[in-house]
């Protein structure tokens, strides 16, 4: 089996075993262990897809959610949307279906945004994003999707350079939102963009501090945000202001 990989304007060709990268004699248990101890999202995707190929048990809604989030993390947005559509078809309620629809709409916008010059947005792009914001109205009337719709509207506002509005919307949620780890991750991801300038560094540190101690988040999420807190602090100059920002 041959695999092609385009990188830096060159096409590399690799020869792989006929049965793929993962040995055919690996048991389901060994695959599960490899998945749980993966050091990268790419490795986790590989083992998750192998599990799904070998056993229908691993083609469930739960496993599609894992694949969706992993593909989103490596910015394979079209593939992430593919799994979102699967999840939407498996939805058991209108609220759940709407939740996935909002995520899909956001990812569609992110794909389009990658083709834009942020300093010179096309009118059609701005109009399309504003239409997406308008369609969120009904979701905001749903108790289960109200916050997710609000977060999405903040992300959309960021994309059309309404940064003050985006900041106000996303900051208003604070660290309370915890019912959807993905929604929380998206919110933080866009706040990171807003706080990227040096003058906002304490806001970024305090954001990570709030999340790393949020009792409503699971341990994996708290470790993730704790790591970001330490990494961000390390990247800043060790000034007194910076140190004061993370004191508990």
Foldseek 3Di string as FASTA:
>chain_A
DKDWDQDPNDIDIDDAPPVGDDDPPDDLVNLVVQLVPPPALVSVLVSLVVNVVVDVVSVDLVNLVSNLVSCVVVPVLVVSLVSLVVNLVVDPDPLSNVLSVLVNLLSVLVVVLVVADQVDGDPVSLVSLVVSLVVLVVLCVPPSRVLLNLLSNLVSCVSNPVPVSSCVSLVVVQQPDQPDPVSVVSSLVVVCVSQVDPVNLLVNLLSLLCQLPPPSHDNVRNVVSVVVNVVSLVVDDVDPVSVVSNDD
